[in-house]
Every structure is written in structure tokens, then in C-alpha cells.
Protein backbone atom coordinates (compact mmCIF):
# COMPACT_ATOMS: atom_id res chain seq x y z
CA MET A 1 -1.85 -41.86 -20.26
CA PHE A 2 -2.19 -38.76 -17.99
CA GLU A 3 -0.46 -39.34 -14.09
CA LYS A 4 -3.27 -39.45 -11.72
CA SER A 5 -1.81 -36.46 -10.06
CA THR A 6 -2.30 -34.25 -13.31
CA VAL A 7 -5.74 -35.57 -13.60
CA ARG A 8 -6.62 -34.42 -10.08
CA ILE A 9 -5.20 -31.19 -10.35
CA VAL A 10 -7.34 -30.73 -13.78
CA VAL A 11 -10.69 -32.00 -12.40
CA PHE A 12 -10.02 -29.83 -9.21
CA LEU A 13 -9.51 -26.69 -11.42
CA PHE A 14 -12.65 -27.76 -13.59
CA PHE A 15 -14.98 -28.06 -10.33
CA LYS A 16 -13.53 -24.98 -8.88
CA LEU A 17 -14.35 -22.82 -12.08
CA THR A 18 -17.51 -24.51 -12.42
CA LYS A 19 -18.56 -24.59 -9.02
CA ARG A 20 -21.32 -21.71 -9.35
CA GLU A 21 -22.86 -23.00 -12.55
CA VAL A 22 -23.25 -26.56 -10.95
CA THR A 23 -24.45 -25.26 -7.81
CA TYR A 24 -27.17 -23.21 -9.46
CA ALA A 25 -28.08 -26.39 -11.74
CA LEU A 26 -28.62 -28.49 -8.74
CA VAL A 27 -30.64 -25.98 -6.67
CA ILE A 28 -32.74 -25.34 -10.10
CA SER A 29 -33.31 -29.15 -10.60
CA LEU A 30 -34.25 -29.30 -6.48
CA LEU A 31 -37.03 -26.75 -7.12
CA LYS A 32 -38.30 -28.13 -10.45
CA ASN A 33 -38.67 -31.51 -8.33
CA LEU A 34 -40.34 -29.68 -5.59
CA PHE A 35 -42.53 -27.90 -7.71
CA SER A 36 -43.44 -30.93 -9.67
CA TYR A 37 -44.27 -32.96 -6.29
CA LEU A 38 -46.51 -30.10 -5.02
CA ILE A 39 -48.59 -29.68 -8.35
């Protein structure tokens, strides 16, 4: 098993690298939800 510190570092790096993509995905999903509610 990996140590908790190692897992934390890997997760931190992963989110740091994919922060932009995740943010864009969340914004797009929110916009789609808003449009679906309006329509």
C-alpha cells in the first residue's frame, strides 16, 4: 500500500494539473443545467 503522504502528493499534483479541465467541465455542466431549466 502507498503511504498517505504519497497519495496526497499524487492527488494534489493530479488536481493541480487538471484544475483547468475540471473547472471548464463544471462550468459547462452548470450552463447546460441552467439552459435546461430555462427551456
